[in-house]
Amino acid sequence: MAKRRSAAKERKPGRKAPLHPYEADLDRNPANHAPLTPLGFLARAAAVAPRHVAVVHGHVRRSWAETHRRCRQLASALRRRGVRRGDTVALMAPNIPAAYECAFGVPMAGAVLNAMNVRLDAATIAFMIDHGAARVVLVDTEFAPVVAEALKRARRRPLVVDIADPLGPADAGRIGSIEYEDFLASGDPDDEPLAPRDEWDAIALNYTSGTTGNPKGVVYHHRGAYLNAVGNVMVWNLPARPVYLWTLPMFHCNGWCFPWTIAAMLGTNVCLRRVEAGAILDAIAAERVTHFCAAPIVLNMLANAPEATRKGKGRKVEVMTAASAPPAAVIEKMERMGFHVTHVYGLTEVYGPAVVCEWDPAWNDASVEEQARLKARQGVRYPVLEGLMVGDPRTLEPVPSDGETIGEVFMRGHIVMKGYLRNPKATRAAFRGGWFHTGDLGVMHPNGYIELKDRSKDIIISGGENISTIEVEGALYRHPAVLEAAVVARPDETWGETPCAFVALKDGATASAEDIIAFCRTQLARFKCPRSVVFGPLPKTSTGKVQKYVLRERARAL
């Protein structure tokens, strides 16, 4: 012991302790470490399945080798026009091949892709161009008028490239200095694309559709894009070479990372410029589609499509749905039509889907109705999401797993955004306490599955009781005459708030407000039932979400 103490005394101050054997001479180097990025999926697809069809769009059919070459050309063309690492390239386009190529070609130039919602107004587009500091804007000619107006309002003067899609409107104007195919030709596919220096490098910028004020710019990194692309494969049991139909907008959370997922699995991307029931069902039959993603509004559209449009579908098709919580009645209809529905949940801030209603074999013997009800739950975390919790929004303590106690849904881990671009205050608030605050309210069931009850701003408090608008909407969808439904709070002098239902009826169907309210009383506790019903089409975003802030304004004005 004396000798040891003596040795300790002789050790020089500040001298580092020896490395552990598992650390000594075992450093990272190019042979054993590379930044995670989904860009490698494209190179692998071109090498492994060069002749396999990668992209279908009308009469256009391109292989993985050709798609890889075009993406490299796009990266080269951007760099030759002065695009540098960290620059933003904006895109305004529907689900067409050029949009798919941008998912790879833009980050292969070291740039960050900002795919914009095609339904945005000129003022919002101008804000995004300036806030994201776009150096280049690629515009499908259908949207030239609104982008032209946005460019007049914007302070920046980016290079504008027109995309003249053969399936687009014939009389569309052009506002750019060069057309996309000519721009592509100015690049050299033999130019070496840029790999990210670090997997934390930004790969995409996605703006949230804020209901007030300017939208927030959500920044994705290469690591998260890679992991969520792989997570999609895992939770959907995605087979090799799937045929994927693009019903989900590629601009929405970068298509939930599926541009990269489909490349990883050597699949075929079937582009769909317009999301219509007939076009979807025709594509499923013609291209033998195996998988597609869609918001519940699209499922509802398919479930209520005329019988004549359903001919030729024949096979079971895998469907992944998210956005607003899907009513169990809609899931049930889709299952009866031969679609197998997987319900996922997420937000722009977590790369799209991050939670999945993982199927429990114990549910196999349940009725179709009960299975649909269980599938309407949001579920458990993706394997690539580190943490998922329902907790008290003030203390961040988990709520009891009783399926009744409402708390806020929190997430943390690999597929949470870097933060909000140029908005440190919002970033700090979103990450307070080491968790991402979703703003969604839900419960935790005893089996560990979460179920959303509402957005924090949508919950109705009537006479001191919380009413879930999702629960009331689920009851409304069970009415045989109801096509679509949404519920918001209406101010009430006695109760503070009461549920107000906005309902769109099926073609040819009739129902009165009294009929709807009476039906709800057979499904719900009396205090949860709508006190007022308004008939007519529902205002929606381009991703199918009902614009409840518009409905709240209408309810207040009643």
Protein backbone atom coordinates (compact mmCIF):
# COMPACT_ATOMS: atom_id res chain seq x y z
CA MET A 1 0.00 0.00 0.00
CA ALA A 2 2.88 2.33 0.87
CA LYS A 3 4.47 1.83 -2.51
CA ARG A 4 1.18 2.58 -4.23
CA ARG A 5 0.71 5.82 -2.27
CA SER A 6 4.25 6.80 -3.13
CA ALA A 7 3.61 6.19 -6.81
CA ALA A 8 0.47 8.28 -6.61
CA LYS A 9 2.47 11.13 -5.07
CA GLU A 10 5.07 10.96 -7.84
CA ARG A 11 2.45 11.12 -10.63
CA LYS A 12 2.67 14.47 -12.34
CA PRO A 13 -0.35 16.80 -11.91
CA GLY A 14 -2.68 16.85 -14.93
CA ARG A 15 -1.32 13.61 -16.35
CA LYS A 16 -4.01 11.72 -18.28
CA ALA A 17 -5.09 8.29 -17.09
CA PRO A 18 -4.13 5.47 -19.45
CA LEU A 19 -6.73 4.58 -22.09
CA HIS A 20 -8.91 1.54 -21.58
CA PRO A 21 -7.87 -1.39 -23.81
CA TYR A 22 -11.10 -0.98 -25.79
CA GLU A 23 -10.09 2.61 -26.55
CA ALA A 24 -6.35 2.35 -27.09
CA ASP A 25 -5.29 2.27 -30.76
CA LEU A 26 -8.88 1.71 -31.86
CA ASP A 27 -9.63 5.08 -33.41
CA ARG A 28 -12.07 5.92 -36.15
CA ASN A 29 -10.66 6.04 -39.65
CA PRO A 30 -11.99 5.94 -43.23
CA ALA A 31 -11.80 2.16 -43.26
CA ASN A 32 -14.11 1.64 -40.29
CA HIS A 33 -16.30 4.74 -40.14
CA ALA A 34 -18.36 6.86 -42.54
CA PRO A 35 -21.09 9.40 -41.85
CA LEU A 36 -24.55 7.90 -42.12
CA THR A 37 -26.34 9.24 -45.20
CA PRO A 38 -29.17 7.92 -47.39
CA LEU A 39 -27.30 8.99 -50.52
CA GLY A 40 -25.44 5.68 -50.59
CA PHE A 41 -28.71 3.84 -51.19
CA LEU A 42 -28.85 5.27 -54.72
CA ALA A 43 -25.33 4.22 -55.67
CA ARG A 44 -26.03 0.73 -54.33
CA ALA A 45 -29.30 0.48 -56.28
CA ALA A 46 -27.51 1.44 -59.49
CA ALA A 47 -24.81 -1.15 -58.84
CA VAL A 48 -27.06 -4.01 -57.69
CA ALA A 49 -30.11 -3.48 -59.91
CA PRO A 50 -28.96 -1.24 -62.77
CA ARG A 51 -31.66 -2.36 -65.23
CA HIS A 52 -34.53 -2.59 -62.74
CA VAL A 53 -37.23 0.07 -63.26
CA ALA A 54 -36.72 2.81 -60.70
CA VAL A 55 -39.17 5.49 -61.87
CA VAL A 56 -42.47 5.30 -63.77
CA HIS A 57 -44.28 8.41 -64.96
CA GLY A 58 -46.76 8.01 -67.80
CA HIS A 59 -44.72 6.62 -70.69
CA VAL A 60 -41.42 7.38 -68.94
CA ARG A 61 -39.62 4.39 -67.46
CA ARG A 62 -36.13 4.87 -66.08
CA SER A 63 -33.80 2.29 -64.58
CA TRP A 64 -31.78 2.69 -61.40
CA ALA A 65 -28.62 3.16 -63.49
CA GLU A 66 -30.25 6.00 -65.44
CA THR A 67 -31.73 7.57 -62.32
CA HIS A 68 -28.34 7.47 -60.60
CA ARG A 69 -26.74 9.12 -63.61
CA ARG A 70 -29.38 11.88 -63.71
CA CYS A 71 -29.02 12.62 -60.01
CA ARG A 72 -25.26 12.95 -60.39
CA GLN A 73 -25.83 15.27 -63.34
CA LEU A 74 -28.17 17.40 -61.25
CA ALA A 75 -25.58 17.65 -58.47
CA SER A 76 -22.91 18.62 -60.99
CA ALA A 77 -25.16 21.23 -62.66
CA LEU A 78 -25.95 22.84 -59.31
CA ARG A 79 -22.29 23.06 -58.32
CA ARG A 80 -21.36 24.50 -61.72
CA ARG A 81 -23.96 27.24 -61.08
CA GLY A 82 -22.29 28.19 -57.83
CA VAL A 83 -24.18 26.07 -55.29
CA ARG A 84 -21.90 25.30 -52.34
CA ARG A 85 -22.08 23.21 -49.18
CA GLY A 86 -24.90 24.35 -46.96
CA ASP A 87 -26.74 26.33 -49.66
CA THR A 88 -30.49 25.88 -49.99
CA VAL A 89 -32.17 24.66 -53.16
CA ALA A 90 -35.95 25.11 -53.19
CA LEU A 91 -38.38 22.94 -55.14
CA MET A 92 -42.02 23.55 -56.08
CA ALA A 93 -43.34 20.44 -57.81
CA PRO A 94 -45.88 17.60 -57.47
CA ASN A 95 -44.90 13.92 -57.43
CA ILE A 96 -42.90 13.79 -60.66
CA PRO A 97 -39.48 12.29 -61.54
CA ALA A 98 -37.69 15.63 -61.12
CA ALA A 99 -38.90 15.84 -57.52
CA TYR A 100 -37.57 12.34 -56.85
CA GLU A 101 -34.22 13.21 -58.42
CA CYS A 102 -33.94 16.29 -56.19
CA ALA A 103 -34.11 14.08 -53.08
CA PHE A 104 -30.68 12.76 -54.10
CA GLY A 105 -29.19 15.27 -56.52
CA VAL A 106 -29.50 18.32 -54.25
CA PRO A 107 -27.73 16.81 -51.21
CA MET A 108 -25.18 15.19 -53.56
CA ALA A 109 -24.18 18.77 -54.36
CA GLY A 110 -23.70 19.37 -50.63
CA ALA A 111 -26.84 21.50 -50.60
CA VAL A 112 -30.03 21.38 -48.53
CA LEU A 113 -33.35 20.57 -50.22
CA ASN A 114 -36.38 22.70 -49.36
CA ALA A 115 -39.34 20.96 -51.02
CA MET A 116 -42.26 23.38 -50.73
CA ASN A 117 -45.96 22.66 -50.43
CA VAL A 118 -47.58 23.15 -53.85
CA ARG A 119 -50.68 24.74 -52.30
CA LEU A 120 -48.85 27.61 -50.63
CA ASP A 121 -49.70 31.23 -51.32
CA ALA A 122 -47.20 33.71 -52.79
CA ALA A 123 -46.52 35.48 -49.49
CA THR A 124 -45.58 32.25 -47.71
CA ILE A 125 -43.39 31.09 -50.60
CA ALA A 126 -41.60 34.45 -50.58
CA PHE A 127 -40.97 34.10 -46.84
CA MET A 128 -39.48 30.62 -47.34
CA ILE A 129 -37.24 31.74 -50.21
CA ASP A 130 -35.84 34.56 -48.06
CA HIS A 131 -35.74 32.75 -44.72
CA GLY A 132 -34.13 29.63 -46.23
CA ALA A 133 -31.80 31.78 -48.39
CA ALA A 134 -32.54 29.75 -51.52
CA ARG A 135 -29.86 30.02 -54.22
CA VAL A 136 -31.88 28.03 -56.76
CA VAL A 137 -35.62 27.47 -57.16
CA LEU A 138 -36.87 24.63 -59.36
CA VAL A 139 -40.50 25.17 -60.42
CA ASP A 140 -42.97 22.90 -62.16
CA THR A 141 -44.60 25.13 -64.76
CA GLU A 142 -48.09 24.55 -63.33
CA PHE A 143 -47.03 26.62 -60.33
CA ALA A 144 -45.17 29.32 -62.27
CA PRO A 145 -47.78 32.05 -61.62
CA VAL A 146 -47.73 31.77 -57.82
CA VAL A 147 -43.94 31.44 -57.71
CA ALA A 148 -43.55 34.42 -60.05
CA GLU A 149 -45.62 36.49 -57.64
CA ALA A 150 -43.55 35.17 -54.71
CA LEU A 151 -40.30 36.15 -56.43
CA LYS A 152 -41.61 39.71 -56.85
CA ARG A 153 -42.14 39.86 -53.09
CA ALA A 154 -38.91 38.12 -52.07
CA ARG A 155 -35.69 39.99 -51.37
CA ARG A 156 -33.51 37.24 -52.82
CA ARG A 157 -32.96 36.70 -56.54
CA PRO A 158 -32.29 32.98 -56.95
CA LEU A 159 -31.63 31.13 -60.18
CA VAL A 160 -35.01 29.82 -61.41
CA VAL A 161 -35.25 26.53 -63.31
CA ASP A 162 -38.49 25.52 -65.06
CA ILE A 163 -39.67 21.91 -64.93
CA ALA A 164 -41.80 21.23 -68.03
CA ASP A 165 -43.44 17.94 -67.08
CA PRO A 166 -45.01 16.22 -70.15
CA LEU A 167 -48.04 15.31 -68.02
CA GLY A 168 -48.43 18.87 -66.74
CA PRO A 169 -50.73 21.54 -68.19
CA ALA A 170 -49.93 22.27 -71.82
CA ASP A 171 -50.50 26.02 -71.53
CA ALA A 172 -48.33 26.57 -68.45
CA GLY A 173 -45.99 29.52 -68.56
CA ARG A 174 -42.28 29.62 -67.81
CA ILE A 175 -40.53 32.00 -65.47
CA GLY A 176 -37.01 30.53 -65.33
CA SER A 177 -33.85 31.14 -67.29
CA ILE A 178 -33.47 27.47 -68.24
CA GLU A 179 -35.58 24.32 -68.46
CA TYR A 180 -34.82 21.36 -66.16
CA GLU A 181 -33.66 18.92 -68.86
CA ASP A 182 -31.31 21.54 -70.32
CA PHE A 183 -30.08 22.38 -66.83
CA LEU A 184 -29.42 18.69 -66.23
CA ALA A 185 -27.49 18.46 -69.50
CA SER A 186 -25.15 21.20 -68.29
CA GLY A 187 -23.88 18.87 -65.57
CA ASP A 188 -21.43 16.01 -65.91
CA PRO A 189 -22.45 12.66 -64.35
CA ASP A 190 -18.77 11.83 -63.98
CA ASP A 191 -18.25 14.72 -61.55
CA GLU A 192 -17.78 13.22 -58.11
CA PRO A 193 -20.75 14.03 -55.84
CA LEU A 194 -20.09 15.50 -52.41
CA ALA A 195 -20.55 13.26 -49.39
CA PRO A 196 -21.47 14.90 -46.07
CA ARG A 197 -18.48 15.78 -43.94
CA ASP A 198 -20.47 14.81 -40.88
CA GLU A 199 -23.74 12.92 -40.52
CA TRP A 200 -25.04 15.92 -38.55
CA ASP A 201 -24.85 18.01 -41.74
CA ALA A 202 -28.23 19.30 -42.90
CA ILE A 203 -29.91 17.40 -45.73
CA ALA A 204 -33.36 19.01 -45.90
CA LEU A 205 -35.39 21.99 -44.75
CA ASN A 206 -39.13 21.49 -44.22
CA TYR A 207 -41.45 24.27 -43.14
CA THR A 208 -44.27 23.57 -40.74
CA SER A 209 -47.69 24.80 -41.78
CA GLY A 210 -48.20 27.20 -38.91
CA THR A 211 -51.74 28.42 -38.32
CA THR A 212 -50.58 31.88 -37.20
CA GLY A 213 -47.50 33.87 -38.11
CA ASN A 214 -44.68 32.60 -40.27
CA PRO A 215 -43.99 28.87 -40.51
CA LYS A 216 -40.96 27.37 -38.74
CA GLY A 217 -38.13 25.81 -40.75
CA VAL A 218 -37.43 22.27 -39.54
CA VAL A 219 -33.86 21.14 -40.27
CA TYR A 220 -33.12 17.45 -40.98
CA HIS A 221 -29.66 15.87 -40.89
CA HIS A 222 -28.22 13.02 -42.96
CA ARG A 223 -28.14 10.68 -39.95
CA GLY A 224 -31.84 11.07 -39.22
CA ALA A 225 -32.80 10.71 -42.89
CA TYR A 226 -30.79 7.48 -43.14
CA LEU A 227 -32.22 6.02 -39.94
CA ASN A 228 -35.84 6.86 -40.64
CA ALA A 229 -35.52 5.45 -44.16
CA VAL A 230 -34.34 2.19 -42.57
CA GLY A 231 -37.01 2.46 -39.88
CA ASN A 232 -39.69 2.48 -42.58
CA VAL A 233 -38.35 -0.84 -43.87
CA MET A 234 -38.39 -2.36 -40.40
CA VAL A 235 -41.87 -1.36 -39.25
CA TRP A 236 -43.53 -2.12 -42.60
CA ASN A 237 -41.66 -5.37 -43.24
CA LEU A 238 -40.91 -3.89 -46.64
CA PRO A 239 -39.79 -6.59 -49.11
CA ALA A 240 -37.13 -6.25 -51.77
CA ARG A 241 -38.22 -4.49 -54.98
CA PRO A 242 -41.60 -3.14 -53.88
CA VAL A 243 -43.74 -1.16 -56.32
CA TYR A 244 -44.48 2.06 -54.47
CA LEU A 245 -47.18 4.50 -55.59
CA TRP A 246 -46.53 8.16 -54.78
CA THR A 247 -49.85 9.29 -53.33
CA LEU A 248 -48.11 10.96 -50.37
CA PRO A 249 -46.62 14.33 -51.44
CA MET A 250 -42.85 14.18 -51.80
CA PHE A 251 -42.74 17.68 -50.30
CA HIS A 252 -44.35 16.47 -47.06
CA CYS A 253 -41.50 15.60 -44.66
CA ASN A 254 -39.52 14.58 -47.75
CA GLY A 255 -42.20 11.99 -48.49
CA TRP A 256 -41.74 10.53 -44.98
CA CYS A 257 -38.20 9.61 -46.11
CA PHE A 258 -39.58 7.12 -48.64
CA PRO A 259 -37.54 8.43 -51.62
CA TRP A 260 -34.53 7.03 -49.75
CA THR A 261 -36.39 3.96 -48.44
CA ILE A 262 -37.45 2.81 -51.91
CA ALA A 263 -33.89 3.20 -53.21
CA ALA A 264 -32.60 1.15 -50.29
CA MET A 265 -34.99 -1.67 -51.21
CA LEU A 266 -34.39 -1.45 -55.01
CA GLY A 267 -38.04 -0.65 -55.55
CA THR A 268 -40.03 1.07 -58.29
CA ASN A 269 -41.41 4.58 -57.80
CA VAL A 270 -44.72 5.10 -59.59
CA CYS A 271 -45.26 8.86 -59.81
CA LEU A 272 -48.74 10.30 -59.54
CA ARG A 273 -49.20 13.94 -60.41
CA ARG A 274 -52.75 14.21 -59.06
CA VAL A 275 -54.18 12.28 -56.12
CA GLU A 276 -57.62 11.13 -57.25
CA ALA A 277 -59.44 7.89 -56.47
CA GLY A 278 -59.66 6.77 -60.10
CA ALA A 279 -56.02 7.57 -60.82
CA ILE A 280 -54.87 5.70 -57.70
CA LEU A 281 -56.90 2.59 -58.43
CA ASP A 282 -55.92 2.63 -62.12
CA ALA A 283 -52.23 2.86 -61.21
CA ILE A 284 -52.57 0.03 -58.69
CA ALA A 285 -54.02 -2.21 -61.40
CA ALA A 286 -51.75 -1.12 -64.26
CA GLU A 287 -48.42 -1.09 -62.41
CA ARG A 288 -49.18 -3.89 -59.90
CA VAL A 289 -48.57 -1.52 -57.00
CA THR A 290 -47.73 -3.21 -53.70
CA HIS A 291 -47.42 -0.26 -51.31
CA PHE A 292 -48.47 3.34 -50.89
CA CYS A 293 -48.75 5.94 -48.12
CA ALA A 294 -51.62 8.35 -47.68
CA ALA A 295 -53.39 10.59 -45.21
CA PRO A 296 -56.74 9.35 -43.84
CA ILE A 297 -58.52 11.76 -46.18
CA VAL A 298 -57.18 9.76 -49.15
CA LEU A 299 -58.27 6.47 -47.56
CA ASN A 300 -61.73 7.92 -47.03
CA MET A 301 -61.80 8.98 -50.67
CA LEU A 302 -60.93 5.43 -51.78
CA ALA A 303 -63.38 3.84 -49.36
CA ASN A 304 -66.18 5.91 -50.85
CA ALA A 305 -65.11 5.66 -54.50
CA PRO A 306 -67.76 4.47 -56.99
CA GLU A 307 -67.79 0.72 -57.47
CA ALA A 308 -66.90 1.13 -61.16
CA THR A 309 -63.53 2.69 -60.34
CA ARG A 310 -62.47 -0.30 -58.22
CA LYS A 311 -62.26 -2.79 -61.07
CA GLY A 312 -58.95 -4.52 -61.62
CA LYS A 313 -57.39 -3.87 -58.22
CA GLY A 314 -57.78 -7.48 -57.21
CA ARG A 315 -54.80 -7.97 -54.86
CA LYS A 316 -54.09 -6.91 -51.32
CA VAL A 317 -52.13 -3.66 -51.19
CA GLU A 318 -50.18 -2.44 -48.16
CA VAL A 319 -51.17 1.06 -47.03
CA MET A 320 -49.39 3.22 -44.47
CA THR A 321 -51.47 6.07 -43.09
CA ALA A 322 -50.79 9.00 -40.79
CA ALA A 323 -51.45 12.76 -40.41
CA SER A 324 -54.72 13.27 -38.52
CA ALA A 325 -55.78 10.19 -36.56
CA PRO A 326 -57.71 7.86 -38.92
CA PRO A 327 -61.26 7.04 -37.80
CA ALA A 328 -61.71 3.34 -37.08
CA ALA A 329 -64.68 3.30 -39.48
CA VAL A 330 -62.41 4.35 -42.38
CA ILE A 331 -59.80 1.71 -41.52
CA GLU A 332 -62.55 -0.91 -41.39
CA LYS A 333 -63.82 0.07 -44.86
CA MET A 334 -60.33 -0.10 -46.34
CA GLU A 335 -59.67 -3.52 -44.83
CA ARG A 336 -62.94 -4.84 -46.25
CA MET A 337 -61.87 -3.56 -49.70
CA GLY A 338 -58.67 -5.63 -49.52
CA PHE A 339 -56.20 -2.97 -48.35
CA HIS A 340 -54.01 -3.82 -45.36
CA VAL A 341 -53.60 -0.67 -43.26
CA THR A 342 -50.59 0.15 -41.07
CA HIS A 343 -51.15 3.17 -38.87
CA VAL A 344 -48.16 5.37 -38.04
CA TYR A 345 -47.82 8.70 -36.29
CA GLY A 346 -45.27 11.45 -36.37
CA LEU A 347 -44.62 15.10 -37.07
CA THR A 348 -42.50 17.20 -39.40
CA GLU A 349 -39.99 17.55 -36.56
CA VAL A 350 -39.35 13.77 -36.47
CA TYR A 351 -38.91 13.12 -40.22
CA GLY A 352 -42.53 12.02 -40.64
CA PRO A 353 -43.57 8.72 -39.05
CA ALA A 354 -41.86 7.84 -35.75
CA VAL A 355 -44.52 5.71 -34.02
CA VAL A 356 -46.29 2.63 -35.38
CA CYS A 357 -49.32 0.66 -34.29
CA GLU A 358 -47.35 -2.58 -34.23
CA TRP A 359 -49.71 -5.48 -34.82
CA ASP A 360 -50.15 -7.80 -31.84
CA PRO A 361 -50.89 -11.41 -32.88
CA ALA A 362 -53.25 -11.58 -29.90
CA TRP A 363 -55.59 -9.32 -31.91
CA ASN A 364 -55.93 -11.81 -34.78
CA ASP A 365 -59.13 -13.36 -33.43
CA ALA A 366 -60.85 -10.02 -32.84
CA SER A 367 -63.65 -8.88 -35.12
CA VAL A 368 -62.87 -6.60 -38.05
CA GLU A 369 -64.53 -3.77 -36.16
CA GLU A 370 -62.40 -4.36 -33.04
CA GLN A 371 -59.22 -4.73 -35.09
CA ALA A 372 -59.96 -1.40 -36.78
CA ARG A 373 -60.45 0.24 -33.37
CA LEU A 374 -57.11 -1.12 -32.17
CA LYS A 375 -55.39 -0.02 -35.38
CA ALA A 376 -56.62 3.51 -34.80
CA ARG A 377 -54.19 3.78 -31.88
CA GLN A 378 -50.86 5.42 -32.64
CA GLY A 379 -48.81 2.64 -31.04
CA VAL A 380 -45.16 2.20 -30.05
CA ARG A 381 -41.94 3.92 -31.07
CA TYR A 382 -40.07 3.14 -34.28
CA PRO A 383 -36.96 1.03 -33.62
CA VAL A 384 -34.90 4.11 -34.59
CA LEU A 385 -36.64 6.43 -32.09
CA GLU A 386 -34.90 6.33 -28.71
CA GLY A 387 -37.66 7.54 -26.42
CA LEU A 388 -41.46 7.95 -26.40
CA MET A 389 -43.42 9.17 -23.40
CA VAL A 390 -46.79 10.56 -22.40
CA GLY A 391 -46.14 12.96 -19.55
CA ASP A 392 -47.07 16.04 -17.62
CA PRO A 393 -46.10 19.03 -19.81
CA ARG A 394 -44.86 21.00 -16.78
CA THR A 395 -42.97 18.39 -14.74
CA LEU A 396 -42.15 15.96 -17.59
CA GLU A 397 -43.16 13.10 -15.29
CA PRO A 398 -44.79 10.14 -17.09
CA VAL A 399 -48.55 9.79 -16.63
CA PRO A 400 -49.98 6.44 -15.41
CA SER A 401 -50.28 3.79 -18.13
CA ASP A 402 -54.02 3.42 -17.59
CA GLY A 403 -55.40 4.44 -20.98
CA GLU A 404 -57.25 7.31 -19.32
CA THR A 405 -54.86 9.91 -17.91
CA ILE A 406 -54.16 12.53 -20.57
CA GLY A 407 -50.68 14.01 -20.99
CA GLU A 408 -48.49 15.46 -23.72
CA VAL A 409 -46.62 13.15 -26.10
CA PHE A 410 -42.82 13.54 -25.91
CA MET A 411 -40.09 12.06 -28.11
CA ARG A 412 -36.30 11.96 -28.13
CA GLY A 413 -33.51 10.37 -30.09
CA HIS A 414 -31.97 9.79 -33.48
CA ILE A 415 -34.82 10.98 -35.69
CA VAL A 416 -35.62 14.25 -33.96
CA MET A 417 -34.81 17.36 -36.00
CA LYS A 418 -31.67 19.45 -35.51
CA GLY A 419 -33.97 22.34 -34.61
CA TYR A 420 -35.75 25.29 -36.20
CA LEU A 421 -33.73 27.34 -38.67
CA ARG A 422 -32.87 30.83 -37.35
CA ASN A 423 -35.29 30.39 -34.46
CA PRO A 424 -33.34 29.60 -31.27
CA LYS A 425 -36.23 30.54 -28.98
CA ALA A 426 -38.60 28.03 -30.61
CA THR A 427 -35.85 25.39 -30.65
CA ARG A 428 -35.19 25.80 -26.92
CA ALA A 429 -38.90 25.60 -26.14
CA ALA A 430 -39.33 22.48 -28.28
CA PHE A 431 -36.44 20.70 -26.53
CA ARG A 432 -37.07 21.84 -22.95
CA GLY A 433 -36.08 19.20 -20.43
CA GLY A 434 -34.30 17.01 -22.97
CA TRP A 435 -37.47 15.92 -24.75
CA PHE A 436 -39.14 17.08 -27.95
CA HIS A 437 -42.53 18.55 -27.02
CA THR A 438 -45.01 17.47 -29.71
CA GLY A 439 -47.99 19.50 -28.49
CA ASP A 440 -50.16 16.40 -28.99
CA LEU A 441 -52.25 15.10 -26.11
CA GLY A 442 -52.72 11.40 -25.55
CA VAL A 443 -52.87 8.49 -23.14
CA MET A 444 -50.59 5.53 -22.50
CA HIS A 445 -52.31 2.16 -22.49
CA PRO A 446 -51.17 -0.63 -20.12
CA ASN A 447 -49.57 -2.47 -23.05
CA GLY A 448 -47.31 0.52 -23.82
CA TYR A 449 -49.27 1.80 -26.84
CA ILE A 450 -50.03 5.50 -26.98
CA GLU A 451 -53.31 6.85 -28.30
CA LEU A 452 -53.81 10.46 -29.29
CA LYS A 453 -56.73 12.34 -27.83
CA ASP A 454 -56.14 15.74 -29.39
CA ARG A 455 -53.80 18.58 -30.12
CA SER A 456 -53.35 20.68 -27.00
CA LYS A 457 -55.10 23.55 -28.77
CA ASP A 458 -57.99 21.35 -29.96
CA ILE A 459 -59.14 19.74 -26.71
CA ILE A 460 -62.63 20.93 -25.68
CA ILE A 461 -63.23 21.77 -22.02
CA SER A 462 -66.96 21.75 -21.39
CA GLY A 463 -68.19 22.34 -17.84
CA GLY A 464 -64.73 21.39 -16.59
CA GLU A 465 -64.69 18.07 -18.48
CA ASN A 466 -62.16 17.33 -21.23
CA ILE A 467 -63.68 16.19 -24.53
CA SER A 468 -61.50 14.61 -27.21
CA THR A 469 -62.46 15.87 -30.65
CA ILE A 470 -60.92 12.69 -32.10
CA GLU A 471 -63.35 10.56 -30.11
CA VAL A 472 -66.35 12.62 -31.26
CA GLU A 473 -65.15 12.54 -34.88
CA GLY A 474 -64.82 8.76 -34.65
CA ALA A 475 -68.50 8.54 -33.68
CA LEU A 476 -69.54 10.84 -36.53
CA TYR A 477 -67.70 8.70 -39.10
CA ARG A 478 -69.80 5.72 -38.05
CA HIS A 479 -72.96 7.48 -39.28
CA PRO A 480 -73.87 5.95 -42.67
CA ALA A 481 -74.48 9.35 -44.31
CA VAL A 482 -71.25 11.03 -43.18
CA LEU A 483 -68.34 11.32 -45.63
CA GLU A 484 -66.09 13.63 -43.59
CA ALA A 485 -66.30 15.18 -40.14
CA ALA A 486 -64.38 17.53 -37.92
CA VAL A 487 -65.15 18.81 -34.42
CA VAL A 488 -64.02 22.03 -32.74
CA ALA A 489 -64.98 24.02 -29.64
CA ARG A 490 -67.80 26.55 -29.85
CA PRO A 491 -67.97 29.19 -27.09
CA ASP A 492 -70.91 28.67 -24.72
CA GLU A 493 -72.07 31.01 -21.96
CA THR A 494 -73.11 28.15 -19.66
CA TRP A 495 -70.52 25.43 -20.33
CA GLY A 496 -67.59 27.53 -21.52
CA GLU A 497 -67.27 25.39 -24.66
CA THR A 498 -69.36 22.76 -26.40
CA PRO A 499 -68.56 20.51 -29.37
CA CYS A 500 -69.47 21.88 -32.78
CA ALA A 501 -69.45 19.35 -35.65
CA PHE A 502 -68.68 20.25 -39.25
CA VAL A 503 -69.94 17.49 -41.53
CA ALA A 504 -69.74 16.69 -45.26
CA LEU A 505 -72.33 14.15 -46.39
CA LYS A 506 -71.86 11.42 -48.98
CA ASP A 507 -73.22 12.07 -52.46
CA GLY A 508 -76.96 11.47 -52.47
CA ALA A 509 -77.15 11.07 -48.67
CA THR A 510 -79.38 13.18 -46.45
CA ALA A 511 -79.29 13.86 -42.72
CA SER A 512 -80.36 16.71 -40.47
CA ALA A 513 -78.47 18.19 -37.55
CA GLU A 514 -80.97 16.51 -35.24
CA ASP A 515 -80.29 13.13 -36.91
CA ILE A 516 -76.52 13.55 -36.42
CA ILE A 517 -76.83 14.60 -32.78
CA ALA A 518 -79.27 11.77 -32.00
CA PHE A 519 -76.90 9.25 -33.56
CA CYS A 520 -73.97 10.55 -31.51
CA ARG A 521 -76.00 10.07 -28.34
CA THR A 522 -76.09 6.34 -29.12
CA GLN A 523 -72.29 6.31 -29.36
CA LEU A 524 -71.04 8.75 -26.73
CA ALA A 525 -71.71 10.15 -23.30
CA ARG A 526 -74.28 12.92 -23.62
CA PHE A 527 -71.90 15.74 -22.64
CA LYS A 528 -69.50 14.74 -25.44
CA CYS A 529 -72.12 14.97 -28.19
CA PRO A 530 -72.17 17.95 -30.59
CA ARG A 531 -74.59 20.71 -29.64
CA SER A 532 -74.46 22.15 -33.16
CA VAL A 533 -73.85 20.69 -36.62
CA VAL A 534 -72.77 22.60 -39.73
CA PHE A 535 -72.95 20.94 -43.16
CA GLY A 536 -70.59 21.58 -46.06
CA PRO A 537 -67.08 20.80 -47.40
CA LEU A 538 -64.19 20.92 -44.93
CA PRO A 539 -61.18 23.21 -45.50
CA LYS A 540 -57.97 21.16 -45.75
CA THR A 541 -54.24 21.48 -46.20
CA SER A 542 -52.54 19.83 -49.17
CA THR A 543 -51.65 16.85 -46.97
CA GLY A 544 -55.28 16.20 -46.10
CA LYS A 545 -55.34 17.72 -42.62
CA VAL A 546 -58.49 19.63 -41.79
CA GLN A 547 -57.74 23.29 -41.07
CA LYS A 548 -59.33 23.42 -37.66
CA TYR A 549 -58.30 27.00 -37.03
CA VAL A 550 -60.62 27.97 -39.91
CA LEU A 551 -63.42 25.92 -38.38
CA ARG A 552 -62.83 27.44 -34.94
CA GLU A 553 -63.30 30.89 -36.47
CA ARG A 554 -66.54 29.73 -38.11
CA ALA A 555 -67.76 28.22 -34.84
CA ARG A 556 -67.08 31.45 -32.96
CA ALA A 557 -69.06 33.35 -35.59
CA LEU A 558 -72.13 31.11 -35.35
